[in-house]
């Protein structure tokens, strides 16, 4: 899966969480637990928001790690006087990995 698809998935998670918290009816206390009425918001206690935000944070960390590794590898290649073709191949590989399809 590429970064674009992963970001779309995270955006969908965030959108669903926002819809849940935006729904006025989810604040109505109508779910009985031990003779006490609770709203869906109270029962959720922020779990949907935390889950979506955790997934976003994981994706951001993964993206940052990939970018850091790429910069390190390209820098090493340049410092070691590797061929231009090799450096360009590394750039193309990174673009393919991140879902960017334009040419260098």
C-alpha atoms as a PDB file:
ATOM      1  CA  UNK A   1       0.000   0.000   0.000  1.00  0.00           C
ATOM      2  CA  UNK A   2       1.321   3.467  -0.805  1.00  0.00           C
ATOM      3  CA  UNK A   3       1.293   6.594   1.329  1.00  0.00           C
ATOM      4  CA  UNK A   4      -1.554   8.192  -0.590  1.00  0.00           C
ATOM      5  CA  UNK A   5      -3.825   5.212   0.068  1.00  0.00           C
ATOM      6  CA  UNK A   6      -2.765   5.107   3.721  1.00  0.00           C
ATOM      7  CA  UNK A   7      -3.495   8.815   4.142  1.00  0.00           C
ATOM      8  CA  UNK A   8      -6.907   8.350   2.500  1.00  0.00           C
ATOM      9  CA  UNK A   9      -7.661   5.577   4.997  1.00  0.00           C
ATOM     10  CA  UNK A  10      -6.625   7.743   7.942  1.00  0.00           C
ATOM     11  CA  UNK A  11      -8.682  10.654   6.607  1.00  0.00           C
ATOM     12  CA  UNK A  12     -11.692   8.339   6.399  1.00  0.00           C
ATOM     13  CA  UNK A  13     -11.129   7.248  10.026  1.00  0.00           C
ATOM     14  CA  UNK A  14     -10.929  10.883  11.133  1.00  0.00           C
ATOM     15  CA  UNK A  15     -14.057  11.718   9.130  1.00  0.00           C
ATOM     16  CA  UNK A  16     -16.022   8.873  10.731  1.00  0.00           C
ATOM     17  CA  UNK A  17     -14.906   9.944  14.216  1.00  0.00           C
ATOM     18  CA  UNK A  18     -15.934  13.538  13.505  1.00  0.00           C
ATOM     19  CA  UNK A  19     -19.329  12.388  12.219  1.00  0.00           C
ATOM     20  CA  UNK A  20     -19.851  10.378  15.416  1.00  0.00           C
ATOM     21  CA  UNK A  21     -19.036  13.330  17.666  1.00  0.00           C
ATOM     22  CA  UNK A  22     -21.006  15.763  15.496  1.00  0.00           C
ATOM     23  CA  UNK A  23     -24.200  13.671  15.635  1.00  0.00           C
ATOM     24  CA  UNK A  24     -26.454  15.444  18.132  1.00  0.00           C
ATOM     25  CA  UNK A  25     -28.343  12.257  18.963  1.00  0.00           C
ATOM     26  CA  UNK A  26     -25.176  10.642  20.283  1.00  0.00           C
ATOM     27  CA  UNK A  27     -25.291  13.050  23.232  1.00  0.00           C
ATOM     28  CA  UNK A  28     -28.743  11.881  24.371  1.00  0.00           C
ATOM     29  CA  UNK A  29     -28.576   9.700  27.469  1.00  0.00           C
ATOM     30  CA  UNK A  30     -30.721   6.750  26.402  1.00  0.00           C
ATOM     31  CA  UNK A  31     -28.569   3.643  26.920  1.00  0.00           C
ATOM     32  CA  UNK A  32     -29.265   2.029  30.319  1.00  0.00           C
ATOM     33  CA  UNK A  33     -26.365   0.535  32.252  1.00  0.00           C
ATOM     34  CA  UNK A  34     -27.099  -0.532  35.831  1.00  0.00           C
ATOM     35  CA  UNK A  35     -30.274   1.594  35.864  1.00  0.00           C
ATOM     36  CA  UNK A  36     -28.338   4.726  34.796  1.00  0.00           C
ATOM     37  CA  UNK A  37     -28.776   6.232  31.351  1.00  0.00           C
ATOM     38  CA  UNK A  38     -25.683   7.033  29.331  1.00  0.00           C
ATOM     39  CA  UNK A  39     -25.146   8.657  25.952  1.00  0.00           C
ATOM     40  CA  UNK A  40     -23.130   7.036  23.203  1.00  0.00           C
ATOM     41  CA  UNK A  41     -20.558   9.811  23.672  1.00  0.00           C
ATOM     42  CA  UNK A  42     -20.171   8.933  27.357  1.00  0.00           C
ATOM     43  CA  UNK A  43     -19.871   5.242  26.565  1.00  0.00           C
ATOM     44  CA  UNK A  44     -17.297   5.923  23.827  1.00  0.00           C
ATOM     45  CA  UNK A  45     -15.274   8.190  26.131  1.00  0.00           C
ATOM     46  CA  UNK A  46     -13.168   9.477  23.222  1.00  0.00           C
ATOM     47  CA  UNK A  47     -12.089   6.013  22.004  1.00  0.00           C
ATOM     48  CA  UNK A  48     -12.924   6.676  18.344  1.00  0.00           C
ATOM     49  CA  UNK A  49     -11.025   9.950  18.308  1.00  0.00           C
ATOM     50  CA  UNK A  50      -7.997   8.438  20.048  1.00  0.00           C
ATOM     51  CA  UNK A  51      -7.959   5.475  17.648  1.00  0.00           C
ATOM     52  CA  UNK A  52      -8.075   7.723  14.562  1.00  0.00           C
ATOM     53  CA  UNK A  53      -5.428  10.067  15.963  1.00  0.00           C
ATOM     54  CA  UNK A  54      -3.177   7.124  16.885  1.00  0.00           C
ATOM     55  CA  UNK A  55      -3.391   5.812  13.312  1.00  0.00           C
ATOM     56  CA  UNK A  56      -2.521   9.261  11.978  1.00  0.00           C
ATOM     57  CA  UNK A  57       0.462   9.493  14.321  1.00  0.00           C
ATOM     58  CA  UNK A  58       1.667   6.017  13.268  1.00  0.00           C
ATOM     59  CA  UNK A  59       1.459   7.003   9.611  1.00  0.00           C
ATOM     60  CA  UNK A  60       3.285  10.287  10.217  1.00  0.00           C
ATOM     61  CA  UNK A  61       6.080   8.462  12.079  1.00  0.00           C
ATOM     62  CA  UNK A  62       6.372   5.868   9.318  1.00  0.00           C
ATOM     63  CA  UNK A  63       6.532   8.594   6.674  1.00  0.00           C
ATOM     64  CA  UNK A  64       9.172  10.498   8.633  1.00  0.00           C
ATOM     65  CA  UNK A  65      11.261   7.351   9.133  1.00  0.00           C
ATOM     66  CA  UNK A  66      11.087   6.547   5.412  1.00  0.00           C
ATOM     67  CA  UNK A  67      12.089  10.093   4.520  1.00  0.00           C
ATOM     68  CA  UNK A  68      14.968  10.111   7.026  1.00  0.00           C
ATOM     69  CA  UNK A  69      16.257   6.790   5.684  1.00  0.00           C
ATOM     70  CA  UNK A  70      16.004   8.063   2.108  1.00  0.00           C
ATOM     71  CA  UNK A  71      17.942  11.254   2.900  1.00  0.00           C
ATOM     72  CA  UNK A  72      20.604   9.228   4.716  1.00  0.00           C
ATOM     73  CA  UNK A  73      20.982   6.790   1.809  1.00  0.00           C
ATOM     74  CA  UNK A  74      21.141   9.506  -0.853  1.00  0.00           C
ATOM     75  CA  UNK A  75      23.603  11.551   1.198  1.00  0.00           C
ATOM     76  CA  UNK A  76      25.826   8.489   1.662  1.00  0.00           C
ATOM     77  CA  UNK A  77      25.629   7.700  -2.039  1.00  0.00           C
ATOM     78  CA  UNK A  78      26.654  11.233  -2.972  1.00  0.00           C
ATOM     79  CA  UNK A  79      29.459  11.318  -0.394  1.00  0.00           C
ATOM     80  CA  UNK A  80      30.730   7.967  -1.715  1.00  0.00           C
ATOM     81  CA  UNK A  81      30.719   9.326  -5.261  1.00  0.00           C
ATOM     82  CA  UNK A  82      28.245   6.717  -6.470  1.00  0.00           C
ATOM     83  CA  UNK A  83      27.029   7.012 -10.030  1.00  0.00           C
ATOM     84  CA  UNK A  84      24.332   9.467 -10.979  1.00  0.00           C
ATOM     85  CA  UNK A  85      22.265   6.560 -12.269  1.00  0.00           C
ATOM     86  CA  UNK A  86      22.384   4.896  -8.858  1.00  0.00           C
ATOM     87  CA  UNK A  87      21.293   8.085  -7.081  1.00  0.00           C
ATOM     88  CA  UNK A  88      18.492   8.646  -9.606  1.00  0.00           C
ATOM     89  CA  UNK A  89      17.370   5.030  -9.127  1.00  0.00           C
ATOM     90  CA  UNK A  90      17.205   5.615  -5.367  1.00  0.00           C
ATOM     91  CA  UNK A  91      15.072   8.705  -5.966  1.00  0.00           C
ATOM     92  CA  UNK A  92      12.745   6.787  -8.306  1.00  0.00           C
ATOM     93  CA  UNK A  93      12.451   3.929  -5.804  1.00  0.00           C
ATOM     94  CA  UNK A  94      11.534   6.391  -3.069  1.00  0.00           C
ATOM     95  CA  UNK A  95       8.954   8.085  -5.285  1.00  0.00           C
ATOM     96  CA  UNK A  96       7.403   4.720  -6.122  1.00  0.00           C
ATOM     97  CA  UNK A  97       7.355   3.790  -2.441  1.00  0.00           C
ATOM     98  CA  UNK A  98       5.602   7.016  -1.483  1.00  0.00           C
ATOM     99  CA  UNK A  99       3.140   6.887  -4.360  1.00  0.00           C
ATOM    100  CA  UNK A 100       4.572   9.771  -6.351  1.00  0.00           C
ATOM    101  CA  UNK A 101       4.607   8.841 -10.018  1.00  0.00           C
ATOM    102  CA  UNK A 102       6.210  11.857 -11.687  1.00  0.00           C
ATOM    103  CA  UNK A 103       9.658  11.568 -13.260  1.00  0.00           C
ATOM    104  CA  UNK A 104      12.819  13.227 -11.963  1.00  0.00           C
END
